[in-house]
């Protein structure tokens, strides 16, 4: 039972810490001007076409109202249109108390999920609560901070009560120094260690189980490996050129323990134009820094997928098409078409 709980702890810790680190990397601030993004997606397969139209808006003072509306229609073989899915998402941020509310609707326009978020005076998330349409609690997260605004703990609940908690100790640079997870009364603690250049060197527990990183003189991460007990579970290594561009990457499949390798080629602007992953090759063409054509080939050099993207004068995508091919290089269904409209106001 302890081994089972330990596996749960490690899984939860890994997932939660990845989410937490990504959150610490910094949330984008409110846009200076409001924006609207509308899109149309057409998905065709076996004579049936799905049409999805969506629209995302940010408006109000400091973009305090965010809304997303998605409508999807299905066309049968006789081109008869049938409502397939309708979802509307509405989120309002009210300056007083800094609270957010959001609502999801199903294909009939009925509420099927809703929730609230609250923030402190510094704009940091304090609570995040999800409810079903009948107000039954689905899940709740509560976050606490220290006097300096650094996150200390996250507690998670479901409709039956407490699930687990994550607690953190931060260093002077605002990075995680120590993280602990508590599940069913059992706590496991992981310490974070950094290099003199402030790059993550290791995340390990008191038994030295954890993930370890190594870097070259330029600060590129060249090796990553997981150690548990006396076993090294996987070992990844990377090579860089004189421009600090990754040109090769060797990895170990965590399940099969088989080694694999990936190599990269770049154009003069530093865009990655080719990726070779074992026998599989992906090639890309760019307009500036945006990919406008991507083609994937199988181990026999046959084209498997092509993604074509059109950009407007500002570099925003306005149209994206996805094609698949058979062994004779004929285009196949499914076929997908994405069309976008960007507006700023």
Protein backbone atom coordinates (compact mmCIF):
# COMPACT_ATOMS: atom_id res chain seq x y z
CA UNK A 1 0.00 0.00 0.00
CA UNK A 2 2.85 2.39 0.85
CA UNK A 3 4.43 1.73 -2.54
CA UNK A 4 1.10 2.47 -4.23
CA UNK A 5 0.68 5.72 -2.27
CA UNK A 6 4.27 6.64 -3.09
CA UNK A 7 3.55 6.20 -6.80
CA UNK A 8 0.48 8.42 -6.45
CA UNK A 9 2.57 11.04 -4.67
CA UNK A 10 5.25 11.02 -7.36
CA UNK A 11 2.66 11.24 -10.14
CA UNK A 12 0.76 14.07 -8.49
CA UNK A 13 3.96 15.87 -7.62
CA UNK A 14 5.28 15.64 -11.16
CA UNK A 15 2.04 16.88 -12.75
CA UNK A 16 1.42 19.59 -10.19
CA UNK A 17 4.98 20.90 -10.20
CA UNK A 18 5.01 21.10 -13.99
CA UNK A 19 1.82 23.17 -13.81
CA UNK A 20 3.21 25.25 -10.95
CA UNK A 21 6.53 25.97 -12.70
CA UNK A 22 4.70 26.93 -15.87
CA UNK A 23 2.58 29.35 -13.84
CA UNK A 24 5.66 30.83 -12.21
CA UNK A 25 7.14 31.53 -15.64
CA UNK A 26 4.78 34.49 -15.76
CA UNK A 27 1.25 35.12 -16.92
CA UNK A 28 0.75 37.57 -19.76
CA UNK A 29 -0.71 40.88 -18.66
CA UNK A 30 -3.88 42.43 -20.00
CA UNK A 31 -3.65 43.67 -23.56
CA UNK A 32 -3.38 47.40 -24.07
CA UNK A 33 -6.29 47.22 -26.50
CA UNK A 34 -9.15 44.76 -26.73
CA UNK A 35 -9.06 42.05 -29.34
CA UNK A 36 -11.36 39.70 -31.18
CA UNK A 37 -10.35 36.42 -32.80
CA UNK A 38 -12.91 34.57 -34.90
CA UNK A 39 -12.28 31.27 -36.62
CA UNK A 40 -13.93 28.64 -38.79
CA UNK A 41 -12.83 25.00 -38.77
CA UNK A 42 -14.02 22.52 -41.38
CA UNK A 43 -13.35 18.84 -40.71
CA UNK A 44 -14.34 16.32 -43.42
CA UNK A 45 -14.24 12.54 -43.20
CA UNK A 46 -16.19 9.69 -44.80
CA UNK A 47 -18.60 12.04 -46.56
CA UNK A 48 -19.58 13.86 -43.37
CA UNK A 49 -18.53 17.47 -42.79
CA UNK A 50 -18.28 19.18 -39.41
CA UNK A 51 -18.27 22.96 -39.41
CA UNK A 52 -17.20 24.77 -36.26
CA UNK A 53 -17.31 28.53 -35.81
CA UNK A 54 -15.78 30.18 -32.81
CA UNK A 55 -15.22 33.67 -31.56
CA UNK A 56 -13.04 34.95 -28.73
CA UNK A 57 -13.40 38.50 -27.43
CA UNK A 58 -11.72 40.59 -24.79
CA UNK A 59 -13.41 43.89 -23.96
CA UNK A 60 -14.32 46.28 -21.17
CA UNK A 61 -12.06 48.19 -18.81
CA UNK A 62 -8.66 46.45 -18.76
CA UNK A 63 -10.23 43.70 -20.91
CA UNK A 64 -12.33 42.71 -17.90
CA UNK A 65 -14.87 40.76 -19.97
CA UNK A 66 -13.73 37.70 -21.86
CA UNK A 67 -16.08 35.63 -23.96
CA UNK A 68 -15.73 32.57 -26.17
CA UNK A 69 -18.58 31.29 -28.33
CA UNK A 70 -18.37 28.05 -30.29
CA UNK A 71 -21.03 26.70 -32.64
CA UNK A 72 -20.63 23.47 -34.53
CA UNK A 73 -22.80 22.06 -37.29
CA UNK A 74 -22.71 18.67 -38.96
CA UNK A 75 -23.60 18.16 -42.61
CA UNK A 76 -24.65 14.66 -43.68
CA UNK A 77 -24.05 13.04 -47.07
CA UNK A 78 -27.07 14.87 -48.49
CA UNK A 79 -25.57 18.16 -47.28
CA UNK A 80 -28.34 18.58 -44.71
CA UNK A 81 -27.26 20.73 -41.81
CA UNK A 82 -27.85 19.54 -38.26
CA UNK A 83 -26.88 21.33 -35.03
CA UNK A 84 -24.07 19.25 -33.59
CA UNK A 85 -22.62 21.22 -30.72
CA UNK A 86 -23.04 24.60 -29.15
CA UNK A 87 -20.86 25.87 -26.37
CA UNK A 88 -20.62 29.33 -24.92
CA UNK A 89 -18.04 30.40 -22.38
CA UNK A 90 -18.37 33.71 -20.58
CA UNK A 91 -15.94 35.06 -18.02
CA UNK A 92 -16.25 38.36 -16.18
CA UNK A 93 -13.55 39.96 -14.05
CA UNK A 94 -14.97 42.50 -11.62
CA UNK A 95 -12.50 45.04 -10.20
CA UNK A 96 -14.30 45.09 -6.83
CA UNK A 97 -12.96 42.05 -4.98
CA UNK A 98 -11.20 40.93 -8.15
CA UNK A 99 -13.40 37.91 -8.77
CA UNK A 100 -14.06 35.99 -11.95
CA UNK A 101 -17.05 33.92 -12.93
CA UNK A 102 -17.43 31.64 -15.91
CA UNK A 103 -20.20 29.53 -17.42
CA UNK A 104 -20.25 26.74 -20.04
CA UNK A 105 -23.37 25.84 -22.05
CA UNK A 106 -24.17 22.59 -23.87
CA UNK A 107 -25.66 22.10 -27.37
CA UNK A 108 -29.15 23.00 -26.11
CA UNK A 109 -27.97 26.14 -24.37
CA UNK A 110 -28.20 24.64 -20.90
CA UNK A 111 -25.54 25.29 -18.28
CA UNK A 112 -23.39 22.22 -17.72
CA UNK A 113 -20.47 23.70 -15.82
CA UNK A 114 -19.67 26.92 -14.03
CA UNK A 115 -17.18 28.29 -11.58
CA UNK A 116 -15.56 31.19 -9.81
CA UNK A 117 -12.05 32.44 -9.13
CA UNK A 118 -10.95 34.99 -6.55
CA UNK A 119 -7.79 37.07 -6.31
CA UNK A 120 -5.96 39.04 -3.65
CA UNK A 121 -5.05 42.72 -3.86
CA UNK A 122 -1.91 41.85 -5.83
CA UNK A 123 -3.95 40.04 -8.48
CA UNK A 124 -2.75 36.60 -7.40
CA UNK A 125 -5.14 33.67 -7.66
CA UNK A 126 -6.54 32.64 -4.27
CA UNK A 127 -9.35 30.19 -5.07
CA UNK A 128 -10.55 28.31 -8.14
CA UNK A 129 -13.86 26.44 -7.75
CA UNK A 130 -15.78 24.36 -10.31
CA UNK A 131 -19.48 23.48 -10.01
CA UNK A 132 -21.91 21.34 -11.96
CA UNK A 133 -25.11 22.87 -13.33
CA UNK A 134 -26.96 21.95 -10.10
CA UNK A 135 -24.27 23.73 -8.02
CA UNK A 136 -22.70 20.45 -6.89
CA UNK A 137 -19.03 20.94 -6.14
CA UNK A 138 -16.74 19.36 -8.74
CA UNK A 139 -13.38 20.58 -7.51
CA UNK A 140 -11.72 23.32 -5.51
CA UNK A 141 -8.19 24.70 -5.22
CA UNK A 142 -7.06 27.10 -2.47
CA UNK A 143 -3.71 28.92 -2.69
CA UNK A 144 -1.90 30.72 0.13
CA UNK A 145 1.03 33.17 -0.04
CA UNK A 146 3.64 34.47 2.36
CA UNK A 147 4.08 38.14 3.31
CA UNK A 148 6.32 38.70 0.30
CA UNK A 149 3.74 37.42 -2.16
CA UNK A 150 5.47 34.10 -2.78
CA UNK A 151 3.25 31.07 -3.12
CA UNK A 152 3.36 28.77 -0.10
CA UNK A 153 0.71 26.10 -0.53
CA UNK A 154 -1.95 24.71 -2.82
CA UNK A 155 -4.76 22.55 -1.43
CA UNK A 156 -7.03 20.48 -3.64
CA UNK A 157 -10.53 19.20 -2.85
CA UNK A 158 -13.27 17.25 -4.60
CA UNK A 159 -16.94 16.85 -3.63
CA UNK A 160 -15.94 14.39 -0.89
CA UNK A 161 -13.37 16.63 0.74
CA UNK A 162 -9.60 17.07 0.88
CA UNK A 163 -7.49 15.30 -1.76
CA UNK A 164 -3.88 16.44 -1.41
CA UNK A 165 -1.75 19.54 -0.90
CA UNK A 166 1.38 21.02 -2.40
CA UNK A 167 3.54 23.34 -0.34
CA UNK A 168 6.52 25.40 -1.47
CA UNK A 169 9.48 27.25 -0.05
CA UNK A 170 10.91 29.88 -2.38
CA UNK A 171 14.44 31.30 -2.60
CA UNK A 172 15.37 34.98 -2.82
CA UNK A 173 15.15 34.86 -6.62
CA UNK A 174 11.52 33.70 -6.44
CA UNK A 175 12.29 30.16 -7.58
CA UNK A 176 11.23 26.96 -5.86
CA UNK A 177 13.69 25.94 -3.16
CA UNK A 178 11.68 23.06 -1.69
CA UNK A 179 8.37 21.40 -2.58
CA UNK A 180 6.31 18.93 -0.56
CA UNK A 181 3.21 16.93 -1.40
CA UNK A 182 0.91 15.40 1.20
CA UNK A 183 -1.51 12.59 0.33
CA UNK A 184 -3.45 10.54 2.89
CA UNK A 185 -1.22 11.80 5.71
CA UNK A 186 2.02 10.85 3.94
CA UNK A 187 4.37 13.68 2.92
CA UNK A 188 7.28 13.59 0.52
CA UNK A 189 9.65 16.52 0.08
CA UNK A 190 11.76 17.44 -2.95
CA UNK A 191 14.62 19.94 -2.88
CA UNK A 192 15.50 22.12 -5.86
CA UNK A 193 19.15 22.85 -6.56
CA UNK A 194 20.46 25.44 -9.03
CA UNK A 195 23.78 26.05 -10.80
CA UNK A 196 25.84 29.24 -10.20
CA UNK A 197 24.17 30.57 -13.38
CA UNK A 198 20.76 29.95 -11.80
CA UNK A 199 19.81 27.01 -14.05
CA UNK A 200 17.96 24.09 -12.51
CA UNK A 201 20.49 21.40 -11.53
CA UNK A 202 18.31 18.85 -9.77
CA UNK A 203 14.96 18.05 -8.15
CA UNK A 204 15.48 15.25 -5.65
CA UNK A 205 14.21 13.81 -2.37
CA UNK A 206 16.18 12.75 0.70
CA UNK A 207 17.08 9.45 -1.00
CA UNK A 208 18.58 11.32 -3.97
CA UNK A 209 15.79 10.07 -6.21
CA UNK A 210 14.87 12.66 -8.79
CA UNK A 211 15.71 14.45 -12.04
CA UNK A 212 19.20 15.81 -12.72
CA UNK A 213 20.46 18.24 -15.37
CA UNK A 214 23.87 19.10 -16.85
CA UNK A 215 24.86 22.12 -18.97
CA UNK A 216 27.66 23.20 -21.30
CA UNK A 217 29.69 26.41 -20.83
CA UNK A 218 27.12 28.37 -22.86
CA UNK A 219 24.36 27.31 -20.49
CA UNK A 220 22.69 24.83 -22.84
CA UNK A 221 21.08 21.83 -21.17
CA UNK A 222 23.13 18.91 -22.50
CA UNK A 223 21.98 16.04 -20.30
CA UNK A 224 18.93 15.08 -18.28
CA UNK A 225 18.48 11.85 -16.37
CA UNK A 226 16.14 10.30 -13.82
CA UNK A 227 17.52 8.29 -10.92
CA UNK A 228 15.48 6.11 -8.57
CA UNK A 229 17.43 4.06 -6.06
CA UNK A 230 20.43 2.58 -7.90
CA UNK A 231 18.70 2.67 -11.29
CA UNK A 232 18.96 5.30 -14.00
CA UNK A 233 15.55 5.22 -15.67
CA UNK A 234 16.27 7.42 -18.65
CA UNK A 235 19.07 9.60 -19.90
CA UNK A 236 18.66 12.36 -22.48
CA UNK A 237 21.55 14.25 -24.04
CA UNK A 238 21.75 17.17 -26.47
CA UNK A 239 24.35 18.66 -28.83
CA UNK A 240 24.62 22.30 -29.92
CA UNK A 241 26.43 24.11 -32.72
CA UNK A 242 28.51 27.30 -32.49
CA UNK A 243 25.30 29.37 -32.63
CA UNK A 244 23.92 27.48 -29.61
CA UNK A 245 21.33 25.82 -31.83
CA UNK A 246 20.41 22.27 -30.83
CA UNK A 247 21.55 20.01 -33.69
CA UNK A 248 21.02 16.59 -32.10
CA UNK A 249 19.08 15.08 -29.26
CA UNK A 250 19.29 11.53 -27.87
CA UNK A 251 16.50 10.22 -25.68
CA UNK A 252 15.34 7.08 -23.91
CA UNK A 253 11.74 5.92 -24.07
CA UNK A 254 10.56 5.80 -20.46
CA UNK A 255 8.43 2.69 -21.07
CA UNK A 256 10.43 0.57 -23.51
CA UNK A 257 13.86 1.85 -22.36
CA UNK A 258 14.86 2.00 -26.04
CA UNK A 259 17.17 4.74 -27.24
CA UNK A 260 16.22 7.14 -30.00
CA UNK A 261 17.78 10.15 -31.66
CA UNK A 262 16.60 13.35 -33.32
CA UNK A 263 18.63 15.74 -35.48
CA UNK A 264 17.83 19.27 -36.67
CA UNK A 265 18.78 21.57 -39.55
CA UNK A 266 18.37 25.36 -39.64
CA UNK A 267 18.25 28.12 -42.25
CA UNK A 268 20.35 31.31 -42.10
CA UNK A 269 17.73 33.01 -39.91
CA UNK A 270 17.89 30.23 -37.33
CA UNK A 271 14.55 28.68 -38.26
CA UNK A 272 14.37 24.91 -37.79
CA UNK A 273 13.71 23.64 -41.33
CA UNK A 274 14.17 19.89 -40.89
CA UNK A 275 13.65 17.40 -38.09
CA UNK A 276 14.84 13.79 -38.46
CA UNK A 277 13.44 11.48 -35.78
CA UNK A 278 14.82 8.02 -36.53
CA UNK A 279 13.45 7.12 -39.99
CA UNK A 280 10.82 9.90 -39.95
CA UNK A 281 11.44 13.34 -41.46
CA UNK A 282 9.57 16.64 -41.04
CA UNK A 283 10.36 19.63 -43.28
CA UNK A 284 9.24 23.24 -42.76
CA UNK A 285 9.17 26.48 -44.75
CA UNK A 286 8.87 29.90 -43.13
CA UNK A 287 7.65 33.41 -43.74
CA UNK A 288 9.79 35.37 -41.33
CA UNK A 289 9.57 33.32 -38.12
CA UNK A 290 6.15 31.77 -38.88
CA UNK A 291 5.81 28.29 -40.39
CA UNK A 292 3.78 28.41 -43.62
CA UNK A 293 4.39 24.85 -44.83
CA UNK A 294 5.09 21.66 -42.89
CA UNK A 295 5.38 18.22 -44.45
CA UNK A 296 5.84 14.90 -42.66
CA UNK A 297 7.34 11.84 -44.35
CA UNK A 298 7.35 8.19 -43.26
CA UNK A 299 10.31 5.79 -43.12
CA UNK A 300 10.03 5.18 -46.89
CA UNK A 301 10.12 8.86 -47.78
CA UNK A 302 6.39 9.00 -48.57
CA UNK A 303 4.47 12.16 -47.77
CA UNK A 304 2.03 11.52 -44.91
CA UNK A 305 0.75 14.96 -43.94
CA UNK A 306 0.92 18.50 -45.27
CA UNK A 307 -0.03 21.63 -43.28
CA UNK A 308 -0.30 24.86 -45.28
CA UNK A 309 -0.73 28.22 -43.54
CA UNK A 310 -1.52 31.65 -44.97
CA UNK A 311 -0.58 34.80 -43.04
CA UNK A 312 -1.82 38.38 -43.22
CA UNK A 313 0.50 41.39 -43.41
CA UNK A 314 0.88 41.36 -39.61
CA UNK A 315 1.93 37.72 -39.57
CA UNK A 316 -1.36 36.42 -38.14
CA UNK A 317 -2.66 33.14 -39.61
CA UNK A 318 -5.76 33.63 -41.77
CA UNK A 319 -6.05 30.14 -43.22
CA UNK A 320 -4.60 26.74 -42.37
CA UNK A 321 -5.22 23.51 -44.32
CA UNK A 322 -4.30 20.00 -43.21
CA UNK A 323 -4.05 17.18 -45.78
CA UNK A 324 -3.31 13.47 -45.36
CA UNK A 325 -2.01 11.13 -48.07
CA UNK A 326 -2.20 7.41 -48.91
CA UNK A 327 0.64 5.16 -50.10
CA UNK A 328 0.17 6.38 -53.68
CA UNK A 329 0.45 10.00 -52.47
CA UNK A 330 -3.25 10.69 -53.07
CA UNK A 331 -4.93 13.13 -50.71
CA UNK A 332 -7.16 11.47 -48.15
CA UNK A 333 -9.88 12.41 -45.73
CA UNK A 334 -9.94 13.56 -43.00
CA UNK A 335 -9.27 17.05 -44.24
CA UNK A 336 -9.22 20.10 -42.00
CA UNK A 337 -9.53 23.78 -42.86
CA UNK A 338 -8.97 26.57 -40.31
CA UNK A 339 -9.85 30.18 -41.14
CA UNK A 340 -9.15 33.05 -38.75
CA UNK A 341 -10.15 36.70 -38.44
CA UNK A 342 -8.14 38.99 -36.15
CA UNK A 343 -9.47 42.36 -35.06
CA UNK A 344 -8.12 44.87 -32.55
CA UNK A 345 -10.13 47.78 -31.20
